[in-house]
Amino acid sequence: MSFEKLGHWYGWAQGIEPIYWEALRLYVLRRDRFTCQKCYRKLLPSELRCHHVIRKEDGGTDSARNLITLCAECHLDEHPIYAEEAA
């Protein structure tokens, strides 16, 4: 399976993760050398997130070309949790 040309997985809207997600995530983490692409810290896979550069809601795909590695802290900066969302 080529992770460079994946399209949009429509199950995301229903909260369903695609069956290829973990393999794709590891592919991106390895490609980025387990390093956050924002703060440049090298971390363990469990401390890293695979982030869609163009949001799925805005037409972004699951292609590895649209994914980067972020640490949990930098990923939270990209997706802040507001009080009204946590309730």
Protein backbone atom coordinates (compact mmCIF):
# COMPACT_ATOMS: atom_id res chain seq x y z
CA MET A 1 0.00 0.00 0.00
CA SER A 2 1.34 3.43 -0.94
CA PHE A 3 0.81 5.92 1.84
CA GLU A 4 1.70 8.82 -0.45
CA LYS A 5 -1.54 8.77 -2.46
CA LEU A 6 -4.30 7.92 0.00
CA GLY A 7 -7.56 9.77 -0.31
CA HIS A 8 -10.06 10.84 2.32
CA TRP A 9 -11.46 8.20 4.68
CA TYR A 10 -15.12 9.06 5.16
CA GLY A 11 -15.36 7.08 8.39
CA TRP A 12 -13.53 9.88 10.23
CA ALA A 13 -16.81 11.85 10.35
CA GLN A 14 -18.36 8.98 12.32
CA GLY A 15 -15.30 8.63 14.56
CA ILE A 16 -14.16 5.43 12.81
CA GLU A 17 -10.41 5.12 12.37
CA PRO A 18 -9.32 3.53 9.07
CA ILE A 19 -7.78 0.07 9.29
CA TYR A 20 -4.52 1.40 7.85
CA TRP A 21 -4.15 4.27 10.37
CA GLU A 22 -1.59 2.71 12.73
CA ALA A 23 0.64 1.57 9.84
CA LEU A 24 0.35 5.02 8.24
CA ARG A 25 1.08 6.73 11.56
CA LEU A 26 4.26 4.68 12.04
CA TYR A 27 5.28 5.38 8.45
CA VAL A 28 5.02 9.15 9.07
CA LEU A 29 6.79 8.96 12.45
CA ARG A 30 9.68 7.03 10.88
CA ARG A 31 9.83 9.39 7.90
CA ASP A 32 10.08 12.34 10.30
CA ARG A 33 12.65 10.44 12.41
CA PHE A 34 10.41 10.47 15.50
CA THR A 35 10.94 14.24 15.71
CA CYS A 36 8.26 16.88 16.25
CA GLN A 37 8.21 19.06 13.15
CA LYS A 38 7.35 22.14 15.20
CA CYS A 39 9.65 22.08 18.26
CA TYR A 40 12.15 19.54 16.83
CA ARG A 41 12.24 17.32 19.93
CA LYS A 42 12.94 13.64 19.28
CA LEU A 43 10.52 11.55 21.35
CA LEU A 44 9.07 8.08 21.80
CA PRO A 45 6.23 7.08 19.45
CA SER A 46 3.76 7.16 22.35
CA GLU A 47 4.55 10.87 22.85
CA LEU A 48 4.03 11.78 19.20
CA ARG A 49 0.94 12.50 17.12
CA CYS A 50 0.34 12.25 13.40
CA HIS A 51 -1.20 15.58 12.36
CA HIS A 52 -3.20 16.40 9.22
CA VAL A 53 -1.72 19.62 7.75
CA ILE A 54 -4.92 20.34 5.81
CA ARG A 55 -7.75 19.38 8.13
CA LYS A 56 -10.01 16.55 7.04
CA GLU A 57 -12.98 18.92 7.40
CA ASP A 58 -11.32 21.22 4.85
CA GLY A 59 -10.76 18.45 2.31
CA GLY A 60 -7.41 17.15 3.57
CA THR A 61 -6.54 13.56 2.77
CA ASP A 62 -4.87 10.78 4.73
CA SER A 63 -1.94 10.85 2.30
CA ALA A 64 1.46 10.88 4.00
CA ARG A 65 2.03 14.09 2.03
CA ASN A 66 -0.63 15.74 4.21
CA LEU A 67 0.66 14.39 7.52
CA ILE A 68 3.43 15.55 9.85
CA THR A 69 4.73 14.41 13.22
CA LEU A 70 3.97 16.62 16.21
CA CYS A 71 4.59 16.05 19.91
CA ALA A 72 1.51 15.92 22.14
CA GLU A 73 2.11 19.50 23.34
CA CYS A 74 2.51 21.00 19.86
CA HIS A 75 -0.48 18.99 18.62
CA LEU A 76 -2.59 20.48 21.40
CA ASP A 77 -1.51 23.94 20.19
CA GLU A 78 -2.96 23.00 16.79
CA HIS A 79 -6.16 21.59 18.34
CA PRO A 80 -6.87 23.51 21.56
CA ILE A 81 -9.60 22.16 23.81
CA TYR A 82 -12.03 24.84 24.90
CA ALA A 83 -14.25 24.55 27.98
CA GLU A 84 -17.43 24.29 25.89
CA GLU A 85 -15.91 21.39 23.89
CA ALA A 86 -14.85 19.43 26.98
CA ALA A 87 -18.37 19.35 28.42
